[in-house]
Structure formats: structure tokens, C-alpha cells
Amino acid sequence: MTITKELNGTELKIALEGRLDTMTAPELEAELNQNLENVETLILDLSKLDYISSAGLRVLLAAHKRMSAKGRMKVLHVNESISEVFDVTGFSDILMIE
């Protein structure tokens, strides 16, 4: 998985490419832990994300909880297969998806 990040003031945009699974979820979790301290808005661009596992969902849920306490988190450009996973797991109701 490739993680591209762009910090603009208190807004952090992270674009994910590839697979967010058991092998790559710790990498995203580490990036978020290192970079969210002064962030008020987290934007996740999933336009190039091909797959998400329960491990990836866990990282997104943890980020959502953390950002809800101090700001907001938006998820952009969710493709059909990821959207289906979000629908089945109830994440569509939890996350702000645009």
C-alpha cells in the first residue's frame, strides 16, 4: 500500500493506494499516530484503494473516534467495492463519506 499525505495547516489529507489489510494496516496506524496531534480535519482519499479488511476497518474506526473528539474526519472517493464493505459493516452510517 502507498500512503501519500499532505498537511495544510490543521488539515491532513491522506491518500491510500492498494490494499489496506492485516499487513498494511499497522503502517497506516503508525502514520496516523505520528501525524494527528495538531490536526483538526482528517481527509482520507480512498479513490485508489482496492481492498479493505477488518484490520483496515479497525484503523479507520480508531481514527474516526480520535478525530471526533477534536475535529472531524471525511472519507472521499470511495469506490463500489469499498462502499459495499462500508454498507455491510455499518461504517456507512458512522463515517462522513463524500
PDB file of N, CA and C in Angstrom:
ATOM      1  N   MET A   1       0.840  -1.178   0.000  1.00  0.00           N
ATOM      2  CA  MET A   1       0.000   0.000   0.000  1.00  0.00           C
ATOM      3  C   MET A   1       0.885   1.242   0.000  1.00  0.00           C
ATOM      4  N   THR A   2       0.435   2.236  -0.716  1.00  0.00           N
ATOM      5  CA  THR A   2       1.125   3.518  -0.768  1.00  0.00           C
ATOM      6  C   THR A   2       0.301   4.550  -0.009  1.00  0.00           C
ATOM      7  N   ILE A   3       0.971   5.291   0.875  1.00  0.00           N
ATOM      8  CA  ILE A   3       0.326   6.344   1.648  1.00  0.00           C
ATOM      9  C   ILE A   3       0.935   7.673   1.228  1.00  0.00           C
ATOM     10  N   THR A   4       0.077   8.578   0.763  1.00  0.00           N
ATOM     11  CA  THR A   4       0.525   9.918   0.396  1.00  0.00           C
ATOM     12  C   THR A   4      -0.183  10.895   1.323  1.00  0.00           C
ATOM     13  N   LYS A   5       0.608  11.766   1.959  1.00  0.00           N
ATOM     14  CA  LYS A   5      -0.008  12.709   2.894  1.00  0.00           C
ATOM     15  C   LYS A   5       0.322  14.145   2.514  1.00  0.00           C
ATOM     16  N   GLU A   6      -0.628  15.019   2.830  1.00  0.00           N
ATOM     17  CA  GLU A   6      -0.480  16.434   2.523  1.00  0.00           C
ATOM     18  C   GLU A   6      -1.066  17.214   3.702  1.00  0.00           C
ATOM     19  N   LEU A   7      -0.214  17.964   4.384  1.00  0.00           N
ATOM     20  CA  LEU A   7      -0.642  18.749   5.539  1.00  0.00           C
ATOM     21  C   LEU A   7      -0.796  20.201   5.124  1.00  0.00           C
ATOM     22  N   ASN A   8      -1.972  20.759   5.427  1.00  0.00           N
ATOM     23  CA  ASN A   8      -2.253  22.152   5.109  1.00  0.00           C
ATOM     24  C   ASN A   8      -2.831  22.794   6.359  1.00  0.00           C
ATOM     25  N   GLY A   9      -1.986  23.403   7.172  1.00  0.00           N
ATOM     26  CA  GLY A   9      -2.427  23.986   8.436  1.00  0.00           C
ATOM     27  C   GLY A   9      -2.856  22.889   9.399  1.00  0.00           C
ATOM     28  N   THR A  10      -4.132  22.897   9.755  1.00  0.00           N
ATOM     29  CA  THR A  10      -4.651  21.873  10.679  1.00  0.00           C
ATOM     30  C   THR A  10      -5.436  20.798   9.929  1.00  0.00           C
ATOM     31  N   GLU A  11      -5.290  20.774   8.601  1.00  0.00           N
ATOM     32  CA  GLU A  11      -5.971  19.772   7.783  1.00  0.00           C
ATOM     33  C   GLU A  11      -4.946  18.800   7.203  1.00  0.00           C
ATOM     34  N   LEU A  12      -5.175  17.522   7.422  1.00  0.00           N
ATOM     35  CA  LEU A  12      -4.298  16.485   6.886  1.00  0.00           C
ATOM     36  C   LEU A  12      -5.083  15.640   5.903  1.00  0.00           C
ATOM     37  N   LYS A  13      -4.570  15.549   4.683  1.00  0.00           N
ATOM     38  CA  LYS A  13      -5.187  14.705   3.658  1.00  0.00           C
ATOM     39  C   LYS A  13      -4.268  13.510   3.428  1.00  0.00           C
ATOM     40  N   ILE A  14      -4.850  12.328   3.539  1.00  0.00           N
ATOM     41  CA  ILE A  14      -4.094  11.097   3.307  1.00  0.00           C
ATOM     42  C   ILE A  14      -4.770  10.328   2.183  1.00  0.00           C
ATOM     43  N   ALA A  15      -4.004  10.016   1.151  1.00  0.00           N
ATOM     44  CA  ALA A  15      -4.499   9.217   0.040  1.00  0.00           C
ATOM     45  C   ALA A  15      -3.907   7.811   0.160  1.00  0.00           C
ATOM     46  N   LEU A  16      -4.768   6.817   0.028  1.00  0.00           N
ATOM     47  CA  LEU A  16      -4.338   5.428   0.137  1.00  0.00           C
ATOM     48  C   LEU A  16      -4.450   4.753  -1.227  1.00  0.00           C
ATOM     49  N   GLU A  17      -3.438   3.954  -1.554  1.00  0.00           N
ATOM     50  CA  GLU A  17      -3.433   3.235  -2.826  1.00  0.00           C
ATOM     51  C   GLU A  17      -3.038   1.793  -2.568  1.00  0.00           C
ATOM     52  N   GLY A  18      -3.839   0.865  -3.103  1.00  0.00           N
ATOM     53  CA  GLY A  18      -3.523  -0.556  -2.946  1.00  0.00           C
ATOM     54  C   GLY A  18      -4.491  -1.245  -2.011  1.00  0.00           C
ATOM     55  N   ARG A  19      -3.940  -2.052  -1.087  1.00  0.00           N
ATOM     56  CA  ARG A  19      -4.744  -2.864  -0.179  1.00  0.00           C
ATOM     57  C   ARG A  19      -4.496  -2.457   1.270  1.00  0.00           C
ATOM     58  N   LEU A  20      -5.576  -2.229   1.996  1.00  0.00           N
ATOM     59  CA  LEU A  20      -5.490  -1.937   3.427  1.00  0.00           C
ATOM     60  C   LEU A  20      -5.940  -3.204   4.147  1.00  0.00           C
ATOM     61  N   ASP A  21      -4.958  -3.999   4.554  1.00  0.00           N
ATOM     62  CA  ASP A  21      -5.256  -5.299   5.146  1.00  0.00           C
ATOM     63  C   ASP A  21      -4.378  -5.542   6.367  1.00  0.00           C
ATOM     64  N   THR A  22      -4.325  -6.761   6.815  1.00  0.00           N
ATOM     65  CA  THR A  22      -3.560  -7.116   8.016  1.00  0.00           C
ATOM     66  C   THR A  22      -2.092  -6.717   7.905  1.00  0.00           C
ATOM     67  N   MET A  23      -1.541  -6.811   6.717  1.00  0.00           N
ATOM     68  CA  MET A  23      -0.126  -6.495   6.523  1.00  0.00           C
ATOM     69  C   MET A  23       0.137  -4.987   6.483  1.00  0.00           C
ATOM     70  N   THR A  24      -0.805  -4.207   5.963  1.00  0.00           N
ATOM     71  CA  THR A  24      -0.555  -2.776   5.765  1.00  0.00           C
ATOM     72  C   THR A  24      -1.248  -1.872   6.788  1.00  0.00           C
ATOM     73  N   ALA A  25      -2.231  -2.400   7.502  1.00  0.00           N
ATOM     74  CA  ALA A  25      -2.948  -1.582   8.495  1.00  0.00           C
ATOM     75  C   ALA A  25      -2.015  -0.990   9.548  1.00  0.00           C
ATOM     76  N   PRO A  26      -1.027  -1.741  10.066  1.00  0.00           N
ATOM     77  CA  PRO A  26      -0.110  -1.139  11.050  1.00  0.00           C
ATOM     78  C   PRO A  26       0.656   0.067  10.503  1.00  0.00           C
ATOM     79  N   GLU A  27       0.949   0.052   9.215  1.00  0.00           N
ATOM     80  CA  GLU A  27       1.652   1.180   8.584  1.00  0.00           C
ATOM     81  C   GLU A  27       0.774   2.436   8.613  1.00  0.00           C
ATOM     82  N   LEU A  28      -0.505   2.288   8.268  1.00  0.00           N
ATOM     83  CA  LEU A  28      -1.418   3.427   8.312  1.00  0.00           C
ATOM     84  C   LEU A  28      -1.624   3.883   9.745  1.00  0.00           C
ATOM     85  N   GLU A  29      -1.772   2.950  10.656  1.00  0.00           N
ATOM     86  CA  GLU A  29      -1.956   3.288  12.064  1.00  0.00           C
ATOM     87  C   GLU A  29      -0.771   4.091  12.596  1.00  0.00           C
ATOM     88  N   ALA A  30       0.436   3.704  12.230  1.00  0.00           N
ATOM     89  CA  ALA A  30       1.642   4.424  12.652  1.00  0.00           C
ATOM     90  C   ALA A  30       1.664   5.838  12.069  1.00  0.00           C
ATOM     91  N   GLU A  31       1.304   5.962  10.800  1.00  0.00           N
ATOM     92  CA  GLU A  31       1.260   7.290  10.159  1.00  0.00           C
ATOM     93  C   GLU A  31       0.266   8.195  10.877  1.00  0.00           C
ATOM     94  N   LEU A  32      -0.908   7.663  11.175  1.00  0.00           N
ATOM     95  CA  LEU A  32      -1.923   8.454  11.860  1.00  0.00           C
ATOM     96  C   LEU A  32      -1.462   8.843  13.256  1.00  0.00           C
ATOM     97  N   ASN A  33      -0.876   7.914  13.977  1.00  0.00           N
ATOM     98  CA  ASN A  33      -0.394   8.215  15.331  1.00  0.00           C
ATOM     99  C   ASN A  33       0.675   9.303  15.321  1.00  0.00           C
ATOM    100  N   GLN A  34       1.505   9.330  14.299  1.00  0.00           N
ATOM    101  CA  GLN A  34       2.582  10.316  14.208  1.00  0.00           C
ATOM    102  C   GLN A  34       2.086  11.696  13.773  1.00  0.00           C
ATOM    103  N   ASN A  35       0.979  11.728  13.034  1.00  0.00           N
ATOM    104  CA  ASN A  35       0.615  12.975  12.357  1.00  0.00           C
ATOM    105  C   ASN A  35      -0.672  13.646  12.818  1.00  0.00           C
ATOM    106  N   LEU A  36      -1.429  13.064  13.730  1.00  0.00           N
ATOM    107  CA  LEU A  36      -2.734  13.634  14.079  1.00  0.00           C
ATOM    108  C   LEU A  36      -2.726  14.609  15.244  1.00  0.00           C
ATOM    109  N   GLU A  37      -1.600  14.813  15.873  1.00  0.00           N
ATOM    110  CA  GLU A  37      -1.573  15.614  17.100  1.00  0.00           C
ATOM    111  C   GLU A  37      -2.204  17.000  16.944  1.00  0.00           C
ATOM    112  N   ASN A  38      -1.829  17.749  15.945  1.00  0.00           N
ATOM    113  CA  ASN A  38      -2.340  19.117  15.768  1.00  0.00           C
ATOM    114  C   ASN A  38      -3.351  19.227  14.631  1.00  0.00           C
ATOM    115  N   VAL A  39      -3.892  18.093  14.208  1.00  0.00           N
ATOM    116  CA  VAL A  39      -4.828  18.065  13.089  1.00  0.00           C
ATOM    117  C   VAL A  39      -6.263  18.182  13.597  1.00  0.00           C
ATOM    118  N   GLU A  40      -7.033  19.067  12.960  1.00  0.00           N
ATOM    119  CA  GLU A  40      -8.448  19.217  13.301  1.00  0.00           C
ATOM    120  C   GLU A  40      -9.355  18.568  12.265  1.00  0.00           C
ATOM    121  N   THR A  41      -8.865  18.446  11.027  1.00  0.00           N
ATOM    122  CA  THR A  41      -9.632  17.798   9.959  1.00  0.00           C
ATOM    123  C   THR A  41      -8.749  16.758   9.289  1.00  0.00           C
ATOM    124  N   LEU A  42      -9.235  15.528   9.279  1.00  0.00           N
ATOM    125  CA  LEU A  42      -8.546  14.436   8.595  1.00  0.00           C
ATOM    126  C   LEU A  42      -9.383  14.048   7.391  1.00  0.00           C
ATOM    127  N   ILE A  43      -8.756  14.062   6.223  1.00  0.00           N
ATOM    128  CA  ILE A  43      -9.433  13.671   4.987  1.00  0.00           C
ATOM    129  C   ILE A  43      -8.727  12.431   4.452  1.00  0.00           C
ATOM    130  N   LEU A  44      -9.498  11.377   4.248  1.00  0.00           N
ATOM    131  CA  LEU A  44      -8.953  10.145   3.679  1.00  0.00           C
ATOM    132  C   LEU A  44      -9.481  10.002   2.257  1.00  0.00           C
ATOM    133  N   ASP A  45      -8.574   9.992   1.298  1.00  0.00           N
ATOM    134  CA  ASP A  45      -8.931   9.806  -0.110  1.00  0.00           C
ATOM    135  C   ASP A  45      -8.728   8.332  -0.443  1.00  0.00           C
ATOM    136  N   LEU A  46      -9.829   7.635  -0.714  1.00  0.00           N
ATOM    137  CA  LEU A  46      -9.761   6.195  -0.978  1.00  0.00           C
ATOM    138  C   LEU A  46      -9.954   5.872  -2.459  1.00  0.00           C
ATOM    139  N   SER A  47      -9.763   6.846  -3.329  1.00  0.00           N
ATOM    140  CA  SER A  47     -10.019   6.643  -4.762  1.00  0.00           C
ATOM    141  C   SER A  47      -9.175   5.522  -5.362  1.00  0.00           C
ATOM    142  N   LYS A  48      -7.997   5.265  -4.810  1.00  0.00           N
ATOM    143  CA  LYS A  48      -7.126   4.230  -5.366  1.00  0.00           C
ATOM    144  C   LYS A  48      -6.977   3.035  -4.426  1.00  0.00           C
ATOM    145  N   LEU A  49      -7.863   2.937  -3.433  1.00  0.00           N
ATOM    146  CA  LEU A  49      -7.840   1.798  -2.521  1.00  0.00           C
ATOM    147  C   LEU A  49      -8.622   0.657  -3.161  1.00  0.00           C
ATOM    148  N   ASP A  50      -7.966  -0.499  -3.306  1.00  0.00           N
ATOM    149  CA  ASP A  50      -8.574  -1.642  -3.985  1.00  0.00           C
ATOM    150  C   ASP A  50      -9.316  -2.574  -3.035  1.00  0.00           C
ATOM    151  N   TYR A  51      -8.871  -2.627  -1.774  1.00  0.00           N
ATOM    152  CA  TYR A  51      -9.391  -3.629  -0.845  1.00  0.00           C
ATOM    153  C   TYR A  51      -9.217  -3.134   0.585  1.00  0.00           C
ATOM    154  N   ILE A  52     -10.171  -3.473   1.443  1.00  0.00           N
ATOM    155  CA  ILE A  52     -10.041  -3.168   2.868  1.00  0.00           C
ATOM    156  C   ILE A  52     -10.506  -4.378   3.669  1.00  0.00           C
ATOM    157  N   SER A  53      -9.709  -4.764   4.648  1.00  0.00           N
ATOM    158  CA  SER A  53     -10.041  -5.896   5.518  1.00  0.00           C
ATOM    159  C   SER A  53     -10.528  -5.381   6.865  1.00  0.00           C
ATOM    160  N   SER A  54     -10.849  -6.294   7.756  1.00  0.00           N
ATOM    161  CA  SER A  54     -11.291  -5.899   9.098  1.00  0.00           C
ATOM    162  C   SER A  54     -10.180  -5.152   9.836  1.00  0.00           C
ATOM    163  N   ALA A  55      -8.936  -5.485   9.559  1.00  0.00           N
ATOM    164  CA  ALA A  55      -7.818  -4.764  10.185  1.00  0.00           C
ATOM    165  C   ALA A  55      -7.799  -3.310   9.718  1.00  0.00           C
ATOM    166  N   GLY A  56      -8.075  -3.085   8.457  1.00  0.00           N
ATOM    167  CA  GLY A  56      -8.153  -1.725   7.923  1.00  0.00           C
ATOM    168  C   GLY A  56      -9.339  -0.976   8.490  1.00  0.00           C
ATOM    169  N   LEU A  57     -10.471  -1.664   8.631  1.00  0.00           N
ATOM    170  CA  LEU A  57     -11.656  -1.041   9.224  1.00  0.00           C
ATOM    171  C   LEU A  57     -11.380  -0.611  10.662  1.00  0.00           C
ATOM    172  N   ARG A  58     -10.644  -1.442  11.390  1.00  0.00           N
ATOM    173  CA  ARG A  58     -10.298  -1.118  12.781  1.00  0.00           C
ATOM    174  C   ARG A  58      -9.490   0.170  12.849  1.00  0.00           C
ATOM    175  N   VAL A  59      -8.537   0.352  11.947  1.00  0.00           N
ATOM    176  CA  VAL A  59      -7.717   1.573  11.924  1.00  0.00           C
ATOM    177  C   VAL A  59      -8.586   2.787  11.594  1.00  0.00           C
ATOM    178  N   LEU A  60      -9.507   2.637  10.644  1.00  0.00           N
ATOM    179  CA  LEU A  60     -10.397   3.747  10.299  1.00  0.00           C
ATOM    180  C   LEU A  60     -11.302   4.109  11.469  1.00  0.00           C
ATOM    181  N   LEU A  61     -11.804   3.107  12.169  1.00  0.00           N
ATOM    182  CA  LEU A  61     -12.671   3.366  13.313  1.00  0.00           C
ATOM    183  C   LEU A  61     -11.905   4.082  14.428  1.00  0.00           C
ATOM    184  N   ALA A  62     -10.680   3.654  14.691  1.00  0.00           N
ATOM    185  CA  ALA A  62      -9.862   4.303  15.718  1.00  0.00           C
ATOM    186  C   ALA A  62      -9.582   5.758  15.333  1.00  0.00           C
ATOM    187  N   ALA A  63      -9.283   6.002  14.060  1.00  0.00           N
ATOM    188  CA  ALA A  63      -9.031   7.373  13.593  1.00  0.00           C
ATOM    189  C   ALA A  63     -10.300   8.211  13.724  1.00  0.00           C
ATOM    190  N   HIS A  64     -11.434   7.622  13.375  1.00  0.00           N
ATOM    191  CA  HIS A  64     -12.718   8.336  13.483  1.00  0.00           C
ATOM    192  C   HIS A  64     -12.996   8.728  14.930  1.00  0.00           C
ATOM    193  N   LYS A  65     -12.787   7.815  15.856  1.00  0.00           N
ATOM    194  CA  LYS A  65     -13.009   8.114  17.272  1.00  0.00           C
ATOM    195  C   LYS A  65     -12.078   9.223  17.749  1.00  0.00           C
ATOM    196  N   ARG A  66     -10.835   9.134  17.353  1.00  0.00           N
ATOM    197  CA  ARG A  66      -9.850  10.141  17.758  1.00  0.00           C
ATOM    198  C   ARG A  66     -10.199  11.516  17.196  1.00  0.00           C
ATOM    199  N   MET A  67     -10.593  11.554  15.926  1.00  0.00           N
ATOM    200  CA  MET A  67     -10.904  12.834  15.298  1.00  0.00           C
ATOM    201  C   MET A  67     -12.234  13.387  15.792  1.00  0.00           C
ATOM    202  N   SER A  68     -13.172  12.544  16.138  1.00  0.00           N
ATOM    203  CA  SER A  68     -14.464  13.020  16.654  1.00  0.00           C
ATOM    204  C   SER A  68     -14.292  13.790  17.951  1.00  0.00           C
ATOM    205  N   ALA A  69     -13.267  13.456  18.711  1.00  0.00           N
ATOM    206  CA  ALA A  69     -13.011  14.124  19.986  1.00  0.00           C
ATOM    207  C   ALA A  69     -12.424  15.525  19.810  1.00  0.00           C
ATOM    208  N   LYS A  70     -11.850  15.810  18.625  1.00  0.00           N
ATOM    209  CA  LYS A  70     -11.184  17.107  18.472  1.00  0.00           C
ATOM    210  C   LYS A  70     -11.425  17.792  17.135  1.00  0.00           C
ATOM    211  N   GLY A  71     -12.184  17.181  16.274  1.00  0.00           N
ATOM    212  CA  GLY A  71     -12.403  17.763  14.953  1.00  0.00           C
ATOM    213  C   GLY A  71     -13.321  16.889  14.138  1.00  0.00           C
ATOM    214  N   ARG A  72     -12.893  16.588  12.919  1.00  0.00           N
ATOM    215  CA  ARG A  72     -13.713  15.741  12.064  1.00  0.00           C
ATOM    216  C   ARG A  72     -12.852  14.950  11.101  1.00  0.00           C
ATOM    217  N   MET A  73     -13.467  13.900  10.559  1.00  0.00           N
ATOM    218  CA  MET A  73     -12.806  13.048   9.580  1.00  0.00           C
ATOM    219  C   MET A  73     -13.764  12.855   8.412  1.00  0.00           C
ATOM    220  N   LYS A  74     -13.258  13.071   7.206  1.00  0.00           N
ATOM    221  CA  LYS A  74     -14.051  12.859   5.994  1.00  0.00           C
ATOM    222  C   LYS A  74     -13.386  11.782   5.156  1.00  0.00           C
ATOM    223  N   VAL A  75     -14.213  10.983   4.496  1.00  0.00           N
ATOM    224  CA  VAL A  75     -13.724   9.949   3.594  1.00  0.00           C
ATOM    225  C   VAL A  75     -14.215  10.303   2.194  1.00  0.00           C
ATOM    226  N   LEU A  76     -13.278  10.398   1.255  1.00  0.00           N
ATOM    227  CA  LEU A  76     -13.602  10.814  -0.111  1.00  0.00           C
ATOM    228  C   LEU A  76     -13.352   9.701  -1.116  1.00  0.00           C
ATOM    229  N   HIS A  77     -14.097   9.761  -2.218  1.00  0.00           N
ATOM    230  CA  HIS A  77     -13.863   8.941  -3.402  1.00  0.00           C
ATOM    231  C   HIS A  77     -13.845   7.435  -3.100  1.00  0.00           C
ATOM    232  N   VAL A  78     -14.891   6.967  -2.446  1.00  0.00           N
ATOM    233  CA  VAL A  78     -14.991   5.547  -2.112  1.00  0.00           C
ATOM    234  C   VAL A  78     -15.525   4.799  -3.334  1.00  0.00           C
ATOM    235  N   ASN A  79     -14.774   3.785  -3.790  1.00  0.00           N
ATOM    236  CA  ASN A  79     -15.230   3.021  -4.957  1.00  0.00           C
ATOM    237  C   ASN A  79     -16.325   2.033  -4.554  1.00  0.00           C
ATOM    238  N   GLU A  80     -16.882   1.359  -5.527  1.00  0.00           N
ATOM    239  CA  GLU A  80     -18.037   0.490  -5.295  1.00  0.00           C
ATOM    240  C   GLU A  80     -17.738  -0.668  -4.339  1.00  0.00           C
ATOM    241  N   SER A  81     -16.592  -1.321  -4.500  1.00  0.00           N
ATOM    242  CA  SER A  81     -16.294  -2.480  -3.648  1.00  0.00           C
ATOM    243  C   SER A  81     -16.042  -2.066  -2.197  1.00  0.00           C
ATOM    244  N   ILE A  82     -15.367  -0.951  -1.980  1.00  0.00           N
ATOM    245  CA  ILE A  82     -15.133  -0.454  -0.614  1.00  0.00           C
ATOM    246  C   ILE A  82     -16.455   0.037  -0.024  1.00  0.00           C
ATOM    247  N   SER A  83     -17.270   0.685  -0.836  1.00  0.00           N
ATOM    248  CA  SER A  83     -18.571   1.161  -0.386  1.00  0.00           C
ATOM    249  C   SER A  83     -19.450   0.000   0.074  1.00  0.00           C
ATOM    250  N   GLU A  84     -19.370  -1.099  -0.636  1.00  0.00           N
ATOM    251  CA  GLU A  84     -20.145  -2.289  -0.253  1.00  0.00           C
ATOM    252  C   GLU A  84     -19.697  -2.815   1.111  1.00  0.00           C
ATOM    253  N   VAL A  85     -18.393  -2.826   1.359  1.00  0.00           N
ATOM    254  CA  VAL A  85     -17.874  -3.246   2.664  1.00  0.00           C
ATOM    255  C   VAL A  85     -18.375  -2.294   3.752  1.00  0.00           C
ATOM    256  N   PHE A  86     -18.322  -0.989   3.477  1.00  0.00           N
ATOM    257  CA  PHE A  86     -18.814   0.003   4.439  1.00  0.00           C
ATOM    258  C   PHE A  86     -20.301  -0.208   4.725  1.00  0.00           C
ATOM    259  N   ASP A  87     -21.089  -0.524   3.694  1.00  0.00           N
ATOM    260  CA  ASP A  87     -22.525  -0.755   3.870  1.00  0.00           C
ATOM    261  C   ASP A  87     -22.790  -1.982   4.731  1.00  0.00           C
ATOM    262  N   VAL A  88     -22.119  -3.088   4.430  1.00  0.00           N
ATOM    263  CA  VAL A  88     -22.339  -4.348   5.140  1.00  0.00           C
ATOM    264  C   VAL A  88     -21.920  -4.244   6.607  1.00  0.00           C
ATOM    265  N   THR A  89     -20.854  -3.511   6.881  1.00  0.00           N
ATOM    266  CA  THR A  89     -20.326  -3.418   8.248  1.00  0.00           C
ATOM    267  C   THR A  89     -20.949  -2.280   9.057  1.00  0.00           C
ATOM    268  N   GLY A  90     -21.731  -1.428   8.413  1.00  0.00           N
ATOM    269  CA  GLY A  90     -22.336  -0.304   9.114  1.00  0.00           C
ATOM    270  C   GLY A  90     -21.461   0.937   9.144  1.00  0.00           C
ATOM    271  N   PHE A  91     -20.297   0.880   8.526  1.00  0.00           N
ATOM    272  CA  PHE A  91     -19.400   2.033   8.508  1.00  0.00           C
ATOM    273  C   PHE A  91     -19.998   3.194   7.717  1.00  0.00           C
ATOM    274  N   SER A  92     -20.911   2.898   6.793  1.00  0.00           N
ATOM    275  CA  SER A  92     -21.570   3.963   6.030  1.00  0.00           C
ATOM    276  C   SER A  92     -22.345   4.897   6.940  1.00  0.00           C
ATOM    277  N   ASP A  93     -22.860   4.343   8.035  1.00  0.00           N
ATOM    278  CA  ASP A  93     -23.620   5.141   8.998  1.00  0.00           C
ATOM    279  C   ASP A  93     -22.723   5.893   9.964  1.00  0.00           C
ATOM    280  N   ILE A  94     -21.487   5.444  10.142  1.00  0.00           N
ATOM    281  CA  ILE A  94     -20.567   6.028  11.105  1.00  0.00           C
ATOM    282  C   ILE A  94     -19.714   7.126  10.475  1.00  0.00           C
ATOM    283  N   LEU A  95     -19.159   6.829   9.303  1.00  0.00           N
ATOM    284  CA  LEU A  95     -18.209   7.737   8.655  1.00  0.00           C
ATOM    285  C   LEU A  95     -18.915   8.811   7.839  1.00  0.00           C
ATOM    286  N   MET A  96     -18.265   9.976   7.720  1.00  0.00           N
ATOM    287  CA  MET A  96     -18.724  11.027   6.833  1.00  0.00           C
ATOM    288  C   MET A  96     -18.098  10.754   5.469  1.00  0.00           C
ATOM    289  N   ILE A  97     -18.919  10.211   4.560  1.00  0.00           N
ATOM    290  CA  ILE A  97     -18.425   9.812   3.241  1.00  0.00           C
ATOM    291  C   ILE A  97     -18.950  10.780   2.198  1.00  0.00           C
ATOM    292  N   GLU A  98     -18.040  11.331   1.417  1.00  0.00           N
ATOM    293  CA  GLU A  98     -18.418  12.277   0.362  1.00  0.00           C
ATOM    294  C   GLU A  98     -17.996  11.744  -0.990  1.00  0.00           C
TER     295      GLU A  98
END
